[in-house]
């Protein structure tokens, strides 16, 4: 009985990790492909063509946030920081 619970737990853990990797691949690829000389406008246009929701919060935080999906579950965000119109940092973080 204990072995069955352990196997079910292990299967759930492995399945969830595989699912999360599958969901992360497109936004990680998008984030890595952003060039250092990208402008905020070009980044928003690129996100729109790839059908990623994007939020311009440059005035408040100096950041453009690009999400992998609209659903409120398992969302990841490519956070791109700008200073004087130039990319200074980019990374993928959980958005939930």
N, C-alpha and C. Protein backbone atom coordinates (compact mmCIF):
# COMPACT_ATOMS: atom_id res chain seq x y z
N UNK A 1 0.82 -1.19 0.00
CA UNK A 1 0.00 0.00 0.00
C UNK A 1 0.87 1.26 0.00
N UNK A 2 1.89 1.30 0.84
CA UNK A 2 2.79 2.44 0.90
C UNK A 2 3.53 2.61 -0.42
N UNK A 3 3.93 1.49 -1.02
CA UNK A 3 4.63 1.55 -2.30
C UNK A 3 3.74 2.17 -3.38
N UNK A 4 2.46 1.88 -3.34
CA UNK A 4 1.53 2.45 -4.32
C UNK A 4 1.44 3.96 -4.16
N UNK A 5 1.35 4.46 -2.93
CA UNK A 5 1.30 5.90 -2.69
C UNK A 5 2.60 6.58 -3.14
N UNK A 6 3.71 5.95 -2.87
CA UNK A 6 5.00 6.51 -3.27
C UNK A 6 5.08 6.57 -4.80
N UNK A 7 4.64 5.51 -5.47
CA UNK A 7 4.66 5.49 -6.93
C UNK A 7 3.74 6.54 -7.52
N UNK A 8 2.56 6.71 -6.95
CA UNK A 8 1.62 7.72 -7.42
C UNK A 8 2.20 9.12 -7.21
N UNK A 9 2.79 9.36 -6.04
CA UNK A 9 3.41 10.64 -5.76
C UNK A 9 4.56 10.93 -6.71
N UNK A 10 5.38 9.93 -6.96
CA UNK A 10 6.51 10.10 -7.87
C UNK A 10 6.04 10.37 -9.29
N UNK A 11 5.02 9.66 -9.73
CA UNK A 11 4.47 9.87 -11.07
C UNK A 11 3.90 11.29 -11.19
N UNK A 12 3.20 11.75 -10.16
CA UNK A 12 2.65 13.11 -10.18
C UNK A 12 3.77 14.14 -10.24
N UNK A 13 4.80 13.95 -9.44
CA UNK A 13 5.93 14.87 -9.40
C UNK A 13 6.63 14.94 -10.76
N UNK A 14 6.90 13.81 -11.36
CA UNK A 14 7.58 13.78 -12.66
C UNK A 14 6.68 14.39 -13.73
N UNK A 15 5.41 14.03 -13.71
CA UNK A 15 4.48 14.58 -14.70
C UNK A 15 4.35 16.08 -14.59
N UNK A 16 4.26 16.60 -13.38
CA UNK A 16 4.15 18.04 -13.19
C UNK A 16 5.41 18.76 -13.66
N UNK A 17 6.57 18.21 -13.37
CA UNK A 17 7.82 18.83 -13.84
C UNK A 17 7.93 18.83 -15.36
N UNK A 18 7.51 17.74 -16.00
CA UNK A 18 7.53 17.70 -17.46
C UNK A 18 6.56 18.73 -18.04
N UNK A 19 5.39 18.86 -17.45
CA UNK A 19 4.40 19.83 -17.90
C UNK A 19 4.95 21.25 -17.76
N UNK A 20 5.56 21.55 -16.63
CA UNK A 20 6.11 22.89 -16.41
C UNK A 20 7.24 23.21 -17.38
N UNK A 21 8.06 22.24 -17.69
CA UNK A 21 9.12 22.46 -18.69
C UNK A 21 8.52 22.74 -20.06
N UNK A 22 7.46 22.00 -20.40
CA UNK A 22 6.78 22.20 -21.67
C UNK A 22 6.20 23.61 -21.76
N UNK A 23 5.59 24.09 -20.68
CA UNK A 23 5.00 25.42 -20.66
C UNK A 23 6.07 26.52 -20.65
N UNK A 24 7.25 26.24 -20.11
CA UNK A 24 8.30 27.25 -19.98
C UNK A 24 9.10 27.44 -21.26
N UNK A 25 9.18 26.45 -22.09
CA UNK A 25 10.07 26.51 -23.26
C UNK A 25 9.80 27.71 -24.17
N UNK A 26 8.55 28.01 -24.57
CA UNK A 26 8.35 29.14 -25.48
C UNK A 26 8.74 30.50 -24.89
N UNK A 27 8.40 30.75 -23.64
CA UNK A 27 8.72 32.06 -23.06
C UNK A 27 10.21 32.18 -22.77
N UNK A 28 10.87 31.09 -22.39
CA UNK A 28 12.32 31.14 -22.18
C UNK A 28 13.04 31.42 -23.49
N UNK A 29 12.56 30.79 -24.57
CA UNK A 29 13.15 31.03 -25.88
C UNK A 29 12.95 32.48 -26.31
N UNK A 30 11.76 33.01 -26.07
CA UNK A 30 11.46 34.41 -26.38
C UNK A 30 12.39 35.33 -25.60
N UNK A 31 12.53 35.07 -24.33
CA UNK A 31 13.34 35.94 -23.45
C UNK A 31 14.82 35.90 -23.85
N UNK A 32 15.31 34.73 -24.17
CA UNK A 32 16.72 34.61 -24.57
C UNK A 32 16.99 35.29 -25.90
N UNK A 33 15.97 35.36 -26.76
CA UNK A 33 16.14 35.94 -28.08
C UNK A 33 16.07 37.45 -28.13
N UNK A 34 15.81 38.09 -27.01
CA UNK A 34 15.72 39.56 -26.99
C UNK A 34 17.13 40.14 -27.09
N UNK A 35 17.33 41.00 -28.08
CA UNK A 35 18.66 41.58 -28.26
C UNK A 35 18.87 42.73 -27.28
N UNK A 36 20.11 42.99 -26.91
CA UNK A 36 20.40 44.07 -25.96
C UNK A 36 20.01 45.46 -26.46
N UNK A 37 19.89 45.62 -27.78
CA UNK A 37 19.52 46.93 -28.31
C UNK A 37 18.04 47.02 -28.67
N UNK A 38 17.22 46.09 -28.18
CA UNK A 38 15.78 46.13 -28.44
C UNK A 38 15.14 47.32 -27.74
N UNK A 39 14.20 47.92 -28.41
CA UNK A 39 13.47 49.04 -27.81
C UNK A 39 12.18 48.51 -27.17
N UNK A 40 11.60 49.26 -26.26
CA UNK A 40 10.34 48.83 -25.67
C UNK A 40 9.25 48.61 -26.72
N UNK A 41 9.18 49.48 -27.71
CA UNK A 41 8.15 49.34 -28.76
C UNK A 41 8.37 48.07 -29.59
N UNK A 42 9.62 47.78 -29.93
CA UNK A 42 9.88 46.57 -30.72
C UNK A 42 9.61 45.31 -29.91
N UNK A 43 9.88 45.36 -28.62
CA UNK A 43 9.60 44.21 -27.76
C UNK A 43 8.10 43.96 -27.66
N UNK A 44 7.32 45.01 -27.49
CA UNK A 44 5.87 44.86 -27.44
C UNK A 44 5.32 44.34 -28.76
N UNK A 45 5.85 44.81 -29.88
CA UNK A 45 5.41 44.34 -31.19
C UNK A 45 5.76 42.87 -31.39
N UNK A 46 6.95 42.47 -30.96
CA UNK A 46 7.37 41.09 -31.10
C UNK A 46 6.50 40.17 -30.25
N UNK A 47 6.18 40.59 -29.04
CA UNK A 47 5.31 39.80 -28.18
C UNK A 47 3.92 39.66 -28.79
N UNK A 48 3.44 40.72 -29.41
CA UNK A 48 2.11 40.68 -30.03
C UNK A 48 2.09 39.70 -31.20
N UNK A 49 3.14 39.69 -32.01
CA UNK A 49 3.18 38.77 -33.15
C UNK A 49 3.25 37.32 -32.70
N UNK A 50 3.84 37.07 -31.52
CA UNK A 50 3.93 35.70 -31.00
C UNK A 50 2.73 35.36 -30.11
N UNK A 51 1.77 36.28 -30.01
CA UNK A 51 0.54 36.10 -29.23
C UNK A 51 0.81 35.91 -27.74
N UNK A 52 1.83 36.58 -27.24
CA UNK A 52 2.10 36.61 -25.80
C UNK A 52 1.48 37.88 -25.22
N UNK A 53 0.77 37.80 -24.11
CA UNK A 53 0.28 39.02 -23.46
C UNK A 53 1.47 39.82 -22.92
N UNK A 54 1.47 41.11 -23.17
CA UNK A 54 2.58 41.96 -22.72
C UNK A 54 2.03 43.17 -21.99
N UNK A 55 2.73 43.58 -20.96
CA UNK A 55 2.32 44.71 -20.14
C UNK A 55 3.47 45.70 -20.03
N UNK A 56 3.17 46.93 -20.39
CA UNK A 56 4.16 48.00 -20.36
C UNK A 56 4.05 48.72 -19.02
N UNK A 57 4.98 48.47 -18.13
CA UNK A 57 5.02 49.14 -16.83
C UNK A 57 6.33 49.91 -16.68
N UNK A 58 6.77 50.48 -17.79
CA UNK A 58 8.03 51.22 -17.79
C UNK A 58 7.93 52.46 -16.91
N UNK A 59 6.80 53.15 -16.97
CA UNK A 59 6.66 54.38 -16.17
C UNK A 59 6.72 54.08 -14.68
N UNK A 60 6.15 52.95 -14.25
CA UNK A 60 6.11 52.61 -12.83
C UNK A 60 7.38 51.91 -12.35
N UNK A 61 7.81 50.89 -13.11
CA UNK A 61 8.92 50.04 -12.64
C UNK A 61 10.09 49.95 -13.61
N UNK A 62 9.97 50.52 -14.80
CA UNK A 62 11.04 50.41 -15.79
C UNK A 62 11.12 49.04 -16.42
N UNK A 63 9.95 48.37 -16.53
CA UNK A 63 9.91 46.97 -16.95
C UNK A 63 8.81 46.76 -17.99
N UNK A 64 9.07 45.83 -18.90
CA UNK A 64 8.02 45.27 -19.74
C UNK A 64 7.90 43.81 -19.35
N UNK A 65 6.67 43.40 -19.04
CA UNK A 65 6.40 42.02 -18.63
C UNK A 65 5.69 41.30 -19.76
N UNK A 66 6.25 40.19 -20.20
CA UNK A 66 5.66 39.37 -21.26
C UNK A 66 5.32 38.02 -20.64
N UNK A 67 4.04 37.65 -20.72
CA UNK A 67 3.59 36.39 -20.13
C UNK A 67 3.50 35.29 -21.18
N UNK A 68 3.60 34.05 -20.74
CA UNK A 68 3.50 32.94 -21.67
C UNK A 68 2.06 32.61 -22.05
N UNK A 69 1.09 33.05 -21.24
CA UNK A 69 -0.31 32.74 -21.53
C UNK A 69 -1.22 33.65 -20.72
N UNK A 70 -2.49 33.67 -21.06
CA UNK A 70 -3.46 34.49 -20.35
C UNK A 70 -4.06 33.76 -19.14
N UNK A 71 -4.05 32.46 -19.16
CA UNK A 71 -4.61 31.68 -18.07
C UNK A 71 -3.92 32.01 -16.76
N UNK A 72 -4.65 32.05 -15.65
CA UNK A 72 -4.01 32.41 -14.38
C UNK A 72 -3.21 31.29 -13.73
N UNK A 73 -3.11 30.14 -14.36
CA UNK A 73 -2.37 29.01 -13.78
C UNK A 73 -1.14 28.70 -14.62
N UNK A 74 -0.05 28.41 -13.96
CA UNK A 74 1.21 28.01 -14.60
C UNK A 74 1.75 29.10 -15.53
N UNK A 75 1.55 30.35 -15.15
CA UNK A 75 2.07 31.45 -15.96
C UNK A 75 3.53 31.72 -15.62
N UNK A 76 4.27 32.08 -16.64
CA UNK A 76 5.64 32.52 -16.49
C UNK A 76 5.77 33.88 -17.15
N UNK A 77 6.68 34.68 -16.66
CA UNK A 77 6.84 36.04 -17.15
C UNK A 77 8.29 36.28 -17.55
N UNK A 78 8.46 36.81 -18.74
CA UNK A 78 9.77 37.31 -19.15
C UNK A 78 9.78 38.78 -18.76
N UNK A 79 10.56 39.09 -17.76
CA UNK A 79 10.64 40.46 -17.26
C UNK A 79 11.87 41.12 -17.86
N UNK A 80 11.64 42.17 -18.63
CA UNK A 80 12.73 42.88 -19.31
C UNK A 80 12.83 44.28 -18.71
N UNK A 81 13.97 44.56 -18.11
CA UNK A 81 14.20 45.87 -17.48
C UNK A 81 14.90 46.80 -18.47
N UNK A 82 14.42 48.03 -18.51
CA UNK A 82 14.98 49.04 -19.40
C UNK A 82 15.51 50.22 -18.60
N UNK A 83 16.56 50.82 -19.12
CA UNK A 83 17.07 52.06 -18.57
C UNK A 83 17.51 52.92 -19.74
N UNK A 84 16.96 54.12 -19.84
CA UNK A 84 17.25 55.04 -20.94
C UNK A 84 16.96 54.40 -22.30
N UNK A 85 15.92 53.56 -22.37
CA UNK A 85 15.51 52.94 -23.63
C UNK A 85 16.30 51.73 -24.05
N UNK A 86 17.20 51.23 -23.19
CA UNK A 86 18.02 50.07 -23.52
C UNK A 86 17.79 48.95 -22.52
N UNK A 87 17.89 47.71 -23.00
CA UNK A 87 17.72 46.54 -22.13
C UNK A 87 18.90 46.45 -21.18
N UNK A 88 18.59 46.36 -19.87
CA UNK A 88 19.65 46.20 -18.89
C UNK A 88 19.59 44.83 -18.21
N UNK A 89 18.42 44.18 -18.24
CA UNK A 89 18.29 42.85 -17.66
C UNK A 89 17.05 42.18 -18.22
N UNK A 90 17.10 40.86 -18.28
CA UNK A 90 15.96 40.06 -18.71
C UNK A 90 16.05 38.71 -18.04
N UNK A 91 14.91 38.24 -17.54
CA UNK A 91 14.87 36.93 -16.91
C UNK A 91 13.44 36.42 -16.84
N UNK A 92 13.31 35.11 -16.72
CA UNK A 92 12.00 34.47 -16.63
C UNK A 92 11.71 34.19 -15.15
N UNK A 93 10.53 34.60 -14.71
CA UNK A 93 10.12 34.39 -13.31
C UNK A 93 8.69 33.85 -13.29
N UNK A 94 8.28 33.20 -12.21
CA UNK A 94 6.88 32.78 -12.09
C UNK A 94 5.97 34.02 -12.00
N UNK A 95 4.82 33.94 -12.65
CA UNK A 95 3.90 35.08 -12.65
C UNK A 95 2.63 34.82 -11.85
N UNK A 96 2.52 33.68 -11.24
CA UNK A 96 1.32 33.36 -10.45
C UNK A 96 1.49 33.78 -9.02
